[in-house]
Amino acid sequence: MLTEIHPKLPMRNKAVTRDYYINQLGFNEIGKEDYQGYLMLKKDTIELHFFEFKDLNPKENYGQIYIRTDNIDRFYQELLDKKIAIHPNGKLDIKPWRQKEFSLLDPDSNLLTFGQGVI
């Protein structure tokens, strides 16, 4: 029945969001049409959608998603090598719930947490 999930997160500026996700995190834009106020991006099997919310106050944004990965160490190092800001409270660490995780904030303060199970 259920097959996929495509989280929708708020964005204030489509060009800034597009630049961050494509040039910093390695996502690609989906499709050839440019929908006003809407953005669809994909990396590997992860698809994220963004809707325009120009009045969003980033200090009051509670948008968050959890993305699983199969090589968290490599991905984390790639981001560090690119000088991507990791959330100050979200450095790579093994959590009590047996997930190795780290987090970052996008330009609109959407919290992205990446995790991989620990055996």
PDB file of N, CA and C in Angstrom:
ATOM      1  N   MET A   1       0.813  -1.196   0.000  1.00  0.00           N
ATOM      2  CA  MET A   1       0.000   0.000   0.000  1.00  0.00           C
ATOM      3  C   MET A   1       0.858   1.264   0.000  1.00  0.00           C
ATOM      4  N   LEU A   2       1.459   1.619   1.123  1.00  0.00           N
ATOM      5  CA  LEU A   2       2.298   2.809   1.155  1.00  0.00           C
ATOM      6  C   LEU A   2       3.662   2.474   0.574  1.00  0.00           C
ATOM      7  N   THR A   3       4.190   3.338  -0.270  1.00  0.00           N
ATOM      8  CA  THR A   3       5.449   3.008  -0.939  1.00  0.00           C
ATOM      9  C   THR A   3       6.563   4.026  -0.745  1.00  0.00           C
ATOM     10  N   GLU A   4       6.253   5.275  -0.548  1.00  0.00           N
ATOM     11  CA  GLU A   4       7.288   6.299  -0.428  1.00  0.00           C
ATOM     12  C   GLU A   4       6.783   7.445   0.434  1.00  0.00           C
ATOM     13  N   ILE A   5       7.720   8.285   0.845  1.00  0.00           N
ATOM     14  CA  ILE A   5       7.360   9.514   1.541  1.00  0.00           C
ATOM     15  C   ILE A   5       8.204  10.648   0.958  1.00  0.00           C
ATOM     16  N   HIS A   6       7.581  11.782   0.774  1.00  0.00           N
ATOM     17  CA  HIS A   6       8.259  12.954   0.236  1.00  0.00           C
ATOM     18  C   HIS A   6       7.946  14.134   1.152  1.00  0.00           C
ATOM     19  N   PRO A   7       8.769  14.347   2.174  1.00  0.00           N
ATOM     20  CA  PRO A   7       8.511  15.440   3.114  1.00  0.00           C
ATOM     21  C   PRO A   7       8.467  16.787   2.411  1.00  0.00           C
ATOM     22  N   LYS A   8       7.603  17.662   2.908  1.00  0.00           N
ATOM     23  CA  LYS A   8       7.491  19.027   2.401  1.00  0.00           C
ATOM     24  C   LYS A   8       7.931  19.975   3.511  1.00  0.00           C
ATOM     25  N   LEU A   9       8.916  20.795   3.197  1.00  0.00           N
ATOM     26  CA  LEU A   9       9.488  21.724   4.159  1.00  0.00           C
ATOM     27  C   LEU A   9       9.296  23.159   3.670  1.00  0.00           C
ATOM     28  N   PRO A  10       9.203  24.111   4.588  1.00  0.00           N
ATOM     29  CA  PRO A  10       9.055  25.502   4.169  1.00  0.00           C
ATOM     30  C   PRO A  10      10.381  26.098   3.707  1.00  0.00           C
ATOM     31  N   MET A  11      10.281  27.042   2.778  1.00  0.00           N
ATOM     32  CA  MET A  11      11.454  27.794   2.313  1.00  0.00           C
ATOM     33  C   MET A  11      11.041  29.245   2.110  1.00  0.00           C
ATOM     34  N   ARG A  12      11.949  30.141   2.410  1.00  0.00           N
ATOM     35  CA  ARG A  12      11.676  31.566   2.189  1.00  0.00           C
ATOM     36  C   ARG A  12      12.076  32.003   0.796  1.00  0.00           C
ATOM     37  N   ASN A  13      13.155  31.437   0.272  1.00  0.00           N
ATOM     38  CA  ASN A  13      13.710  31.876  -0.999  1.00  0.00           C
ATOM     39  C   ASN A  13      14.122  30.648  -1.807  1.00  0.00           C
ATOM     40  N   LYS A  14      13.437  30.430  -2.895  1.00  0.00           N
ATOM     41  CA  LYS A  14      13.663  29.236  -3.704  1.00  0.00           C
ATOM     42  C   LYS A  14      15.110  29.142  -4.219  1.00  0.00           C
ATOM     43  N   ALA A  15      15.671  30.250  -4.667  1.00  0.00           N
ATOM     44  CA  ALA A  15      17.039  30.235  -5.199  1.00  0.00           C
ATOM     45  C   ALA A  15      18.044  29.859  -4.121  1.00  0.00           C
ATOM     46  N   VAL A  16      17.867  30.364  -2.918  1.00  0.00           N
ATOM     47  CA  VAL A  16      18.778  30.048  -1.809  1.00  0.00           C
ATOM     48  C   VAL A  16      18.656  28.581  -1.432  1.00  0.00           C
ATOM     49  N   THR A  17      17.416  28.088  -1.331  1.00  0.00           N
ATOM     50  CA  THR A  17      17.197  26.679  -0.987  1.00  0.00           C
ATOM     51  C   THR A  17      17.779  25.774  -2.058  1.00  0.00           C
ATOM     52  N   ARG A  18      17.498  26.081  -3.313  1.00  0.00           N
ATOM     53  CA  ARG A  18      18.021  25.285  -4.429  1.00  0.00           C
ATOM     54  C   ARG A  18      19.553  25.244  -4.368  1.00  0.00           C
ATOM     55  N   ASP A  19      20.175  26.387  -4.196  1.00  0.00           N
ATOM     56  CA  ASP A  19      21.632  26.460  -4.147  1.00  0.00           C
ATOM     57  C   ASP A  19      22.200  25.612  -3.005  1.00  0.00           C
ATOM     58  N   TYR A  20      21.622  25.728  -1.827  1.00  0.00           N
ATOM     59  CA  TYR A  20      22.121  24.984  -0.672  1.00  0.00           C
ATOM     60  C   TYR A  20      22.034  23.476  -0.901  1.00  0.00           C
ATOM     61  N   TYR A  21      20.878  23.000  -1.293  1.00  0.00           N
ATOM     62  CA  TYR A  21      20.683  21.561  -1.433  1.00  0.00           C
ATOM     63  C   TYR A  21      21.455  20.982  -2.617  1.00  0.00           C
ATOM     64  N   ILE A  22      21.548  21.722  -3.703  1.00  0.00           N
ATOM     65  CA  ILE A  22      22.249  21.206  -4.879  1.00  0.00           C
ATOM     66  C   ILE A  22      23.768  21.355  -4.714  1.00  0.00           C
ATOM     67  N   ASN A  23      24.223  22.558  -4.395  1.00  0.00           N
ATOM     68  CA  ASN A  23      25.664  22.814  -4.363  1.00  0.00           C
ATOM     69  C   ASN A  23      26.351  22.418  -3.064  1.00  0.00           C
ATOM     70  N   GLN A  24      25.615  22.328  -1.985  1.00  0.00           N
ATOM     71  CA  GLN A  24      26.225  21.951  -0.716  1.00  0.00           C
ATOM     72  C   GLN A  24      25.982  20.479  -0.369  1.00  0.00           C
ATOM     73  N   LEU A  25      24.732  20.027  -0.549  1.00  0.00           N
ATOM     74  CA  LEU A  25      24.392  18.659  -0.121  1.00  0.00           C
ATOM     75  C   LEU A  25      24.351  17.641  -1.258  1.00  0.00           C
ATOM     76  N   GLY A  26      24.450  18.094  -2.505  1.00  0.00           N
ATOM     77  CA  GLY A  26      24.530  17.163  -3.623  1.00  0.00           C
ATOM     78  C   GLY A  26      23.210  16.646  -4.156  1.00  0.00           C
ATOM     79  N   PHE A  27      22.119  17.354  -3.897  1.00  0.00           N
ATOM     80  CA  PHE A  27      20.821  16.971  -4.458  1.00  0.00           C
ATOM     81  C   PHE A  27      20.728  17.430  -5.905  1.00  0.00           C
ATOM     82  N   ASN A  28      19.761  16.900  -6.626  1.00  0.00           N
ATOM     83  CA  ASN A  28      19.454  17.316  -7.998  1.00  0.00           C
ATOM     84  C   ASN A  28      18.002  17.748  -8.061  1.00  0.00           C
ATOM     85  N   GLU A  29      17.724  18.702  -8.927  1.00  0.00           N
ATOM     86  CA  GLU A  29      16.346  19.144  -9.101  1.00  0.00           C
ATOM     87  C   GLU A  29      15.591  18.111  -9.933  1.00  0.00           C
ATOM     88  N   ILE A  30      14.342  17.884  -9.583  1.00  0.00           N
ATOM     89  CA  ILE A  30      13.503  16.916 -10.279  1.00  0.00           C
ATOM     90  C   ILE A  30      12.718  17.630 -11.362  1.00  0.00           C
ATOM     91  N   GLY A  31      12.698  17.033 -12.527  1.00  0.00           N
ATOM     92  CA  GLY A  31      11.893  17.558 -13.628  1.00  0.00           C
ATOM     93  C   GLY A  31      12.517  18.751 -14.318  1.00  0.00           C
ATOM     94  N   LYS A  32      11.836  19.199 -15.358  1.00  0.00           N
ATOM     95  CA  LYS A  32      12.323  20.309 -16.171  1.00  0.00           C
ATOM     96  C   LYS A  32      11.481  21.559 -15.991  1.00  0.00           C
ATOM     97  N   GLU A  33      10.315  21.411 -15.371  1.00  0.00           N
ATOM     98  CA  GLU A  33       9.457  22.569 -15.159  1.00  0.00           C
ATOM     99  C   GLU A  33       9.831  23.283 -13.880  1.00  0.00           C
ATOM    100  N   ASP A  34       9.684  24.600 -13.906  1.00  0.00           N
ATOM    101  CA  ASP A  34       9.949  25.417 -12.730  1.00  0.00           C
ATOM    102  C   ASP A  34       8.601  25.859 -12.178  1.00  0.00           C
ATOM    103  N   TYR A  35       8.197  25.238 -11.074  1.00  0.00           N
ATOM    104  CA  TYR A  35       6.918  25.576 -10.460  1.00  0.00           C
ATOM    105  C   TYR A  35       7.111  26.755  -9.513  1.00  0.00           C
ATOM    106  N   GLN A  36       6.346  27.787  -9.724  1.00  0.00           N
ATOM    107  CA  GLN A  36       6.457  28.966  -8.871  1.00  0.00           C
ATOM    108  C   GLN A  36       6.121  28.614  -7.427  1.00  0.00           C
ATOM    109  N   GLY A  37       7.035  28.943  -6.530  1.00  0.00           N
ATOM    110  CA  GLY A  37       6.796  28.725  -5.117  1.00  0.00           C
ATOM    111  C   GLY A  37       6.909  27.278  -4.667  1.00  0.00           C
ATOM    112  N   TYR A  38       7.449  26.408  -5.520  1.00  0.00           N
ATOM    113  CA  TYR A  38       7.559  24.994  -5.159  1.00  0.00           C
ATOM    114  C   TYR A  38       8.852  24.443  -5.743  1.00  0.00           C
ATOM    115  N   LEU A  39       9.518  23.562  -4.991  1.00  0.00           N
ATOM    116  CA  LEU A  39      10.789  22.996  -5.403  1.00  0.00           C
ATOM    117  C   LEU A  39      10.821  21.525  -5.029  1.00  0.00           C
ATOM    118  N   MET A  40      11.280  20.691  -5.966  1.00  0.00           N
ATOM    119  CA  MET A  40      11.410  19.257  -5.716  1.00  0.00           C
ATOM    120  C   MET A  40      12.855  18.849  -5.993  1.00  0.00           C
ATOM    121  N   LEU A  41      13.469  18.185  -5.015  1.00  0.00           N
ATOM    122  CA  LEU A  41      14.866  17.786  -5.114  1.00  0.00           C
ATOM    123  C   LEU A  41      15.024  16.319  -4.742  1.00  0.00           C
ATOM    124  N   LYS A  42      16.085  15.707  -5.273  1.00  0.00           N
ATOM    125  CA  LYS A  42      16.307  14.290  -4.999  1.00  0.00           C
ATOM    126  C   LYS A  42      17.798  14.010  -4.905  1.00  0.00           C
ATOM    127  N   LYS A  43      18.143  13.120  -3.978  1.00  0.00           N
ATOM    128  CA  LYS A  43      19.509  12.583  -3.868  1.00  0.00           C
ATOM    129  C   LYS A  43      19.366  11.108  -3.548  1.00  0.00           C
ATOM    130  N   ASP A  44      19.958  10.274  -4.376  1.00  0.00           N
ATOM    131  CA  ASP A  44      19.829   8.827  -4.237  1.00  0.00           C
ATOM    132  C   ASP A  44      18.334   8.489  -4.235  1.00  0.00           C
ATOM    133  N   THR A  45      17.807   7.892  -3.173  1.00  0.00           N
ATOM    134  CA  THR A  45      16.369   7.565  -3.149  1.00  0.00           C
ATOM    135  C   THR A  45      15.566   8.546  -2.301  1.00  0.00           C
ATOM    136  N   ILE A  46      16.208   9.613  -1.820  1.00  0.00           N
ATOM    137  CA  ILE A  46      15.539  10.584  -0.952  1.00  0.00           C
ATOM    138  C   ILE A  46      15.013  11.740  -1.792  1.00  0.00           C
ATOM    139  N   GLU A  47      13.727  12.017  -1.668  1.00  0.00           N
ATOM    140  CA  GLU A  47      13.106  13.131  -2.375  1.00  0.00           C
ATOM    141  C   GLU A  47      12.522  14.095  -1.354  1.00  0.00           C
ATOM    142  N   LEU A  48      12.882  15.366  -1.496  1.00  0.00           N
ATOM    143  CA  LEU A  48      12.376  16.417  -0.626  1.00  0.00           C
ATOM    144  C   LEU A  48      11.631  17.450  -1.458  1.00  0.00           C
ATOM    145  N   HIS A  49      10.518  17.935  -0.910  1.00  0.00           N
ATOM    146  CA  HIS A  49       9.758  18.995  -1.562  1.00  0.00           C
ATOM    147  C   HIS A  49       9.772  20.216  -0.653  1.00  0.00           C
ATOM    148  N   PHE A  50       9.730  21.382  -1.252  1.00  0.00           N
ATOM    149  CA  PHE A  50       9.737  22.640  -0.512  1.00  0.00           C
ATOM    150  C   PHE A  50       8.622  23.536  -1.027  1.00  0.00           C
ATOM    151  N   PHE A  51       7.942  24.189  -0.103  1.00  0.00           N
ATOM    152  CA  PHE A  51       6.902  25.143  -0.479  1.00  0.00           C
ATOM    153  C   PHE A  51       7.319  26.527  -0.005  1.00  0.00           C
ATOM    154  N   GLU A  52       6.976  27.520  -0.799  1.00  0.00           N
ATOM    155  CA  GLU A  52       7.355  28.887  -0.465  1.00  0.00           C
ATOM    156  C   GLU A  52       6.548  29.406   0.718  1.00  0.00           C
ATOM    157  N   PHE A  53       7.267  29.968   1.680  1.00  0.00           N
ATOM    158  CA  PHE A  53       6.666  30.578   2.866  1.00  0.00           C
ATOM    159  C   PHE A  53       7.531  31.805   3.176  1.00  0.00           C
ATOM    160  N   LYS A  54       7.285  32.888   2.435  1.00  0.00           N
ATOM    161  CA  LYS A  54       8.130  34.076   2.511  1.00  0.00           C
ATOM    162  C   LYS A  54       8.165  34.700   3.897  1.00  0.00           C
ATOM    163  N   ASP A  55       7.094  34.564   4.658  1.00  0.00           N
ATOM    164  CA  ASP A  55       7.033  35.175   5.988  1.00  0.00           C
ATOM    165  C   ASP A  55       7.558  34.259   7.089  1.00  0.00           C
ATOM    166  N   LEU A  56       8.147  33.147   6.723  1.00  0.00           N
ATOM    167  CA  LEU A  56       8.684  32.220   7.717  1.00  0.00           C
ATOM    168  C   LEU A  56       9.746  32.909   8.573  1.00  0.00           C
ATOM    169  N   ASN A  57       9.610  32.770   9.866  1.00  0.00           N
ATOM    170  CA  ASN A  57      10.640  33.238  10.789  1.00  0.00           C
ATOM    171  C   ASN A  57      11.505  32.021  11.120  1.00  0.00           C
ATOM    172  N   PRO A  58      12.756  31.973  10.640  1.00  0.00           N
ATOM    173  CA  PRO A  58      13.594  30.790  10.871  1.00  0.00           C
ATOM    174  C   PRO A  58      13.759  30.446  12.347  1.00  0.00           C
ATOM    175  N   LYS A  59      13.653  31.435  13.218  1.00  0.00           N
ATOM    176  CA  LYS A  59      13.788  31.171  14.647  1.00  0.00           C
ATOM    177  C   LYS A  59      12.556  30.464  15.212  1.00  0.00           C
ATOM    178  N   GLU A  60      11.487  30.438  14.430  1.00  0.00           N
ATOM    179  CA  GLU A  60      10.258  29.771  14.862  1.00  0.00           C
ATOM    180  C   GLU A  60       9.899  28.584  13.967  1.00  0.00           C
ATOM    181  N   ASN A  61      10.850  28.139  13.162  1.00  0.00           N
ATOM    182  CA  ASN A  61      10.598  27.017  12.258  1.00  0.00           C
ATOM    183  C   ASN A  61      10.932  25.706  12.969  1.00  0.00           C
ATOM    184  N   TYR A  62       9.959  24.814  13.004  1.00  0.00           N
ATOM    185  CA  TYR A  62      10.152  23.509  13.636  1.00  0.00           C
ATOM    186  C   TYR A  62      10.183  22.381  12.609  1.00  0.00           C
ATOM    187  N   GLY A  63      10.406  22.725  11.322  1.00  0.00           N
ATOM    188  CA  GLY A  63      10.507  21.704  10.285  1.00  0.00           C
ATOM    189  C   GLY A  63      11.695  20.801  10.544  1.00  0.00           C
ATOM    190  N   GLN A  64      11.468  19.500  10.524  1.00  0.00           N
ATOM    191  CA  GLN A  64      12.550  18.551  10.731  1.00  0.00           C
ATOM    192  C   GLN A  64      12.267  17.249  10.016  1.00  0.00           C
ATOM    193  N   ILE A  65      13.328  16.627   9.544  1.00  0.00           N
ATOM    194  CA  ILE A  65      13.210  15.307   8.929  1.00  0.00           C
ATOM    195  C   ILE A  65      14.400  14.453   9.381  1.00  0.00           C
ATOM    196  N   TYR A  66      14.195  13.148   9.344  1.00  0.00           N
ATOM    197  CA  TYR A  66      15.230  12.180   9.695  1.00  0.00           C
ATOM    198  C   TYR A  66      15.513  11.373   8.432  1.00  0.00           C
ATOM    199  N   ILE A  67      16.763  11.358   8.007  1.00  0.00           N
ATOM    200  CA  ILE A  67      17.153  10.672   6.772  1.00  0.00           C
ATOM    201  C   ILE A  67      18.147   9.570   7.124  1.00  0.00           C
ATOM    202  N   ARG A  68      17.818   8.356   6.761  1.00  0.00           N
ATOM    203  CA  ARG A  68      18.725   7.233   7.004  1.00  0.00           C
ATOM    204  C   ARG A  68      19.757   7.154   5.877  1.00  0.00           C
ATOM    205  N   THR A  69      20.948   6.717   6.255  1.00  0.00           N
ATOM    206  CA  THR A  69      22.041   6.561   5.304  1.00  0.00           C
ATOM    207  C   THR A  69      22.733   5.216   5.553  1.00  0.00           C
ATOM    208  N   ASP A  70      23.440   4.731   4.548  1.00  0.00           N
ATOM    209  CA  ASP A  70      24.155   3.467   4.730  1.00  0.00           C
ATOM    210  C   ASP A  70      25.670   3.677   4.852  1.00  0.00           C
ATOM    211  N   ASN A  71      26.108   4.954   4.860  1.00  0.00           N
ATOM    212  CA  ASN A  71      27.531   5.243   5.065  1.00  0.00           C
ATOM    213  C   ASN A  71      27.658   6.628   5.695  1.00  0.00           C
ATOM    214  N   ILE A  72      27.242   6.707   6.929  1.00  0.00           N
ATOM    215  CA  ILE A  72      27.184   7.999   7.611  1.00  0.00           C
ATOM    216  C   ILE A  72      28.563   8.625   7.794  1.00  0.00           C
ATOM    217  N   ASP A  73      29.574   7.810   8.045  1.00  0.00           N
ATOM    218  CA  ASP A  73      30.919   8.355   8.247  1.00  0.00           C
ATOM    219  C   ASP A  73      31.414   9.075   6.988  1.00  0.00           C
ATOM    220  N   ARG A  74      31.236   8.451   5.857  1.00  0.00           N
ATOM    221  CA  ARG A  74      31.685   9.059   4.600  1.00  0.00           C
ATOM    222  C   ARG A  74      30.904  10.328   4.298  1.00  0.00           C
ATOM    223  N   PHE A  75      29.566  10.280   4.458  1.00  0.00           N
ATOM    224  CA  PHE A  75      28.745  11.449   4.173  1.00  0.00           C
ATOM    225  C   PHE A  75      29.110  12.607   5.102  1.00  0.00           C
ATOM    226  N   TYR A  76      29.282  12.310   6.374  1.00  0.00           N
ATOM    227  CA  TYR A  76      29.664  13.334   7.354  1.00  0.00           C
ATOM    228  C   TYR A  76      30.996  13.969   6.956  1.00  0.00           C
ATOM    229  N   GLN A  77      31.968  13.150   6.591  1.00  0.00           N
ATOM    230  CA  GLN A  77      33.279  13.675   6.199  1.00  0.00           C
ATOM    231  C   GLN A  77      33.185  14.524   4.933  1.00  0.00           C
ATOM    232  N   GLU A  78      32.355  14.098   3.976  1.00  0.00           N
ATOM    233  CA  GLU A  78      32.159  14.894   2.757  1.00  0.00           C
ATOM    234  C   GLU A  78      31.645  16.284   3.101  1.00  0.00           C
ATOM    235  N   LEU A  79      30.700  16.369   4.017  1.00  0.00           N
ATOM    236  CA  LEU A  79      30.154  17.662   4.416  1.00  0.00           C
ATOM    237  C   LEU A  79      31.204  18.498   5.142  1.00  0.00           C
ATOM    238  N   LEU A  80      31.982  17.870   6.016  1.00  0.00           N
ATOM    239  CA  LEU A  80      33.055  18.598   6.696  1.00  0.00           C
ATOM    240  C   LEU A  80      34.082  19.124   5.685  1.00  0.00           C
ATOM    241  N   ASP A  81      34.420  18.296   4.698  1.00  0.00           N
ATOM    242  CA  ASP A  81      35.390  18.707   3.682  1.00  0.00           C
ATOM    243  C   ASP A  81      34.891  19.907   2.890  1.00  0.00           C
ATOM    244  N   LYS A  82      33.573  19.997   2.707  1.00  0.00           N
ATOM    245  CA  LYS A  82      32.969  21.130   1.985  1.00  0.00           C
ATOM    246  C   LYS A  82      32.713  22.322   2.907  1.00  0.00           C
ATOM    247  N   LYS A  83      33.069  22.165   4.174  1.00  0.00           N
ATOM    248  CA  LYS A  83      32.861  23.219   5.179  1.00  0.00           C
ATOM    249  C   LYS A  83      31.381  23.530   5.404  1.00  0.00           C
ATOM    250  N   ILE A  84      30.538  22.490   5.310  1.00  0.00           N
ATOM    251  CA  ILE A  84      29.108  22.624   5.606  1.00  0.00           C
ATOM    252  C   ILE A  84      28.964  22.709   7.121  1.00  0.00           C
ATOM    253  N   ALA A  85      28.184  23.677   7.583  1.00  0.00           N
ATOM    254  CA  ALA A  85      27.992  23.848   9.025  1.00  0.00           C
ATOM    255  C   ALA A  85      27.156  22.709   9.592  1.00  0.00           C
ATOM    256  N   ILE A  86      27.718  22.019  10.566  1.00  0.00           N
ATOM    257  CA  ILE A  86      27.006  20.978  11.308  1.00  0.00           C
ATOM    258  C   ILE A  86      26.358  21.672  12.506  1.00  0.00           C
ATOM    259  N   HIS A  87      25.156  21.229  12.878  1.00  0.00           N
ATOM    260  CA  HIS A  87      24.470  21.834  14.024  1.00  0.00           C
ATOM    261  C   HIS A  87      25.382  21.726  15.251  1.00  0.00           C
ATOM    262  N   PRO A  88      25.533  22.819  16.027  1.00  0.00           N
ATOM    263  CA  PRO A  88      26.433  22.771  17.186  1.00  0.00           C
ATOM    264  C   PRO A  88      26.093  21.670  18.184  1.00  0.00           C
ATOM    265  N   ASN A  89      24.825  21.300  18.274  1.00  0.00           N
ATOM    266  CA  ASN A  89      24.412  20.217  19.180  1.00  0.00           C
ATOM    267  C   ASN A  89      24.196  18.911  18.418  1.00  0.00           C
ATOM    268  N   GLY A  90      24.662  18.847  17.185  1.00  0.00           N
ATOM    269  CA  GLY A  90      24.385  17.681  16.363  1.00  0.00           C
ATOM    270  C   GLY A  90      25.599  17.056  15.721  1.00  0.00           C
ATOM    271  N   LYS A  91      26.728  17.108  16.388  1.00  0.00           N
ATOM    272  CA  LYS A  91      27.936  16.460  15.847  1.00  0.00           C
ATOM    273  C   LYS A  91      27.724  14.943  15.771  1.00  0.00           C
ATOM    274  N   LEU A  92      28.477  14.295  14.910  1.00  0.00           N
ATOM    275  CA  LEU A  92      28.372  12.849  14.732  1.00  0.00           C
ATOM    276  C   LEU A  92      28.612  12.140  16.057  1.00  0.00           C
ATOM    277  N   ASP A  93      27.642  11.300  16.432  1.00  0.00           N
ATOM    278  CA  ASP A  93      27.697  10.642  17.737  1.00  0.00           C
ATOM    279  C   ASP A  93      26.799   9.409  17.714  1.00  0.00           C
ATOM    280  N   ILE A  94      27.113   8.444  18.536  1.00  0.00           N
ATOM    281  CA  ILE A  94      26.243   7.278  18.700  1.00  0.00           C
ATOM    282  C   ILE A  94      25.274   7.576  19.834  1.00  0.00           C
ATOM    283  N   LYS A  95      23.991   7.465  19.530  1.00  0.00           N
ATOM    284  CA  LYS A  95      22.931   7.792  20.475  1.00  0.00           C
ATOM    285  C   LYS A  95      22.514   6.543  21.250  1.00  0.00           C
ATOM    286  N   PRO A  96      21.872   6.723  22.408  1.00  0.00           N
ATOM    287  CA  PRO A  96      21.420   5.579  23.213  1.00  0.00           C
ATOM    288  C   PRO A  96      20.447   4.667  22.456  1.00  0.00           C
ATOM    289  N   TRP A  97      19.771   5.193  21.441  1.00  0.00           N
ATOM    290  CA  TRP A  97      18.812   4.372  20.679  1.00  0.00           C
ATOM    291  C   TRP A  97      19.502   3.635  19.533  1.00  0.00           C
ATOM    292  N   ARG A  98      20.836   3.498  19.633  1.00  0.00           N
ATOM    293  CA  ARG A  98      21.651   2.696  18.718  1.00  0.00           C
ATOM    294  C   ARG A  98      21.646   3.212  17.277  1.00  0.00           C
ATOM    295  N   GLN A  99      21.678   4.540  17.168  1.00  0.00           N
ATOM    296  CA  GLN A  99      21.817   5.195  15.872  1.00  0.00           C
ATOM    297  C   GLN A  99      23.035   6.109  15.930  1.00  0.00           C
ATOM    298  N   LYS A 100      23.842   6.062  14.889  1.00  0.00           N
ATOM    299  CA  LYS A 100      24.935   7.014  14.737  1.00  0.00           C
ATOM    300  C   LYS A 100      24.348   8.164  13.934  1.00  0.00           C
ATOM    301  N   GLU A 101      24.374   9.367  14.501  1.00  0.00           N
ATOM    302  CA  GLU A 101      23.638  10.486  13.916  1.00  0.00           C
ATOM    303  C   GLU A 101      24.447  11.780  13.922  1.00  0.00           C
ATOM    304  N   PHE A 102      24.026  12.681  13.014  1.00  0.00           N
ATOM    305  CA  PHE A 102      24.442  14.082  13.074  1.00  0.00           C
ATOM    306  C   PHE A 102      23.322  14.915  12.470  1.00  0.00           C
ATOM    307  N   SER A 103      23.361  16.212  12.746  1.00  0.00           N
ATOM    308  CA  SER A 103      22.296  17.103  12.275  1.00  0.00           C
ATOM    309  C   SER A 103      22.878  18.393  11.720  1.00  0.00           C
ATOM    310  N   LEU A 104      22.097  19.011  10.851  1.00  0.00           N
ATOM    311  CA  LEU A 104      22.433  20.335  10.350  1.00  0.00           C
ATOM    312  C   LEU A 104      21.147  21.111  10.116  1.00  0.00           C
ATOM    313  N   LEU A 105      21.296  22.416   9.983  1.00  0.00           N
ATOM    314  CA  LEU A 105      20.167  23.297   9.691  1.00  0.00           C
ATOM    315  C   LEU A 105      20.333  23.852   8.289  1.00  0.00           C
ATOM    316  N   ASP A 106      19.251  23.830   7.509  1.00  0.00           N
ATOM    317  CA  ASP A 106      19.308  24.439   6.183  1.00  0.00           C
ATOM    318  C   ASP A 106      19.108  25.952   6.322  1.00  0.00           C
ATOM    319  N   PRO A 107      19.129  26.703   5.236  1.00  0.00           N
ATOM    320  CA  PRO A 107      19.023  28.165   5.339  1.00  0.00           C
ATOM    321  C   PRO A 107      17.739  28.675   6.005  1.00  0.00           C
ATOM    322  N   ASP A 108      16.718  27.837   6.089  1.00  0.00           N
ATOM    323  CA  ASP A 108      15.459  28.235   6.726  1.00  0.00           C
ATOM    324  C   ASP A 108      15.277  27.607   8.097  1.00  0.00           C
ATOM    325  N   SER A 109      16.331  27.021   8.624  1.00  0.00           N
ATOM    326  CA  SER A 109      16.347  26.351   9.933  1.00  0.00           C
ATOM    327  C   SER A 109      15.502  25.086   9.980  1.00  0.00           C
ATOM    328  N   ASN A 110      15.318  24.438   8.838  1.00  0.00           N
ATOM    329  CA  ASN A 110      14.768  23.089   8.843  1.00  0.00           C
ATOM    330  C   ASN A 110      15.879  22.182   9.366  1.00  0.00           C
ATOM    331  N   LEU A 111      15.564  21.360  10.363  1.00  0.00           N
ATOM    332  CA  LEU A 111      16.555  20.469  10.951  1.00  0.00           C
ATOM    333  C   LEU A 111      16.611  19.168  10.144  1.00  0.00           C
ATOM    334  N   LEU A 112      17.787  18.858   9.630  1.00  0.00           N
ATOM    335  CA  LEU A 112      18.016  17.606   8.899  1.00  0.00           C
ATOM    336  C   LEU A 112      18.893  16.737   9.780  1.00  0.00           C
ATOM    337  N   THR A 113      18.368  15.592  10.195  1.00  0.00           N
ATOM    338  CA  THR A 113      19.159  14.645  10.974  1.00  0.00           C
ATOM    339  C   THR A 113      19.405  13.426  10.107  1.00  0.00           C
ATOM    340  N   PHE A 114      20.649  13.010  10.048  1.00  0.00           N
ATOM    341  CA  PHE A 114      21.063  11.845   9.275  1.00  0.00           C
ATOM    342  C   PHE A 114      21.465  10.760  10.257  1.00  0.00           C
ATOM    343  N   GLY A 115      21.025   9.525   9.994  1.00  0.00           N
ATOM    344  CA  GLY A 115      21.319   8.449  10.922  1.00  0.00           C
ATOM    345  C   GLY A 115      21.559   7.120  10.248  1.00  0.00           C
ATOM    346  N   GLN A 116      22.323   6.291  10.962  1.00  0.00           N
ATOM    347  CA  GLN A 116      22.597   4.923  10.520  1.00  0.00           C
ATOM    348  C   GLN A 116      22.591   4.037  11.749  1.00  0.00           C
ATOM    349  N   GLY A 117      21.952   2.881  11.630  1.00  0.00           N
ATOM    350  CA  GLY A 117      21.913   1.940  12.738  1.00  0.00           C
ATOM    351  C   GLY A 117      23.293   1.414  13.095  1.00  0.00           C
ATOM    352  N   VAL A 118      23.479   1.180  14.384  1.00  0.00           N
ATOM    353  CA  VAL A 118      24.737   0.652  14.897  1.00  0.00           C
ATOM    354  C   VAL A 118      24.478  -0.770  15.387  1.00  0.00           C
ATOM    355  N   ILE A 119      25.338  -1.689  14.973  1.00  0.00           N
ATOM    356  CA  ILE A 119      25.166  -3.079  15.378  1.00  0.00           C
ATOM    357  C   ILE A 119      25.887  -3.316  16.682  1.00  0.00           C
TER     358      ILE A 119
END
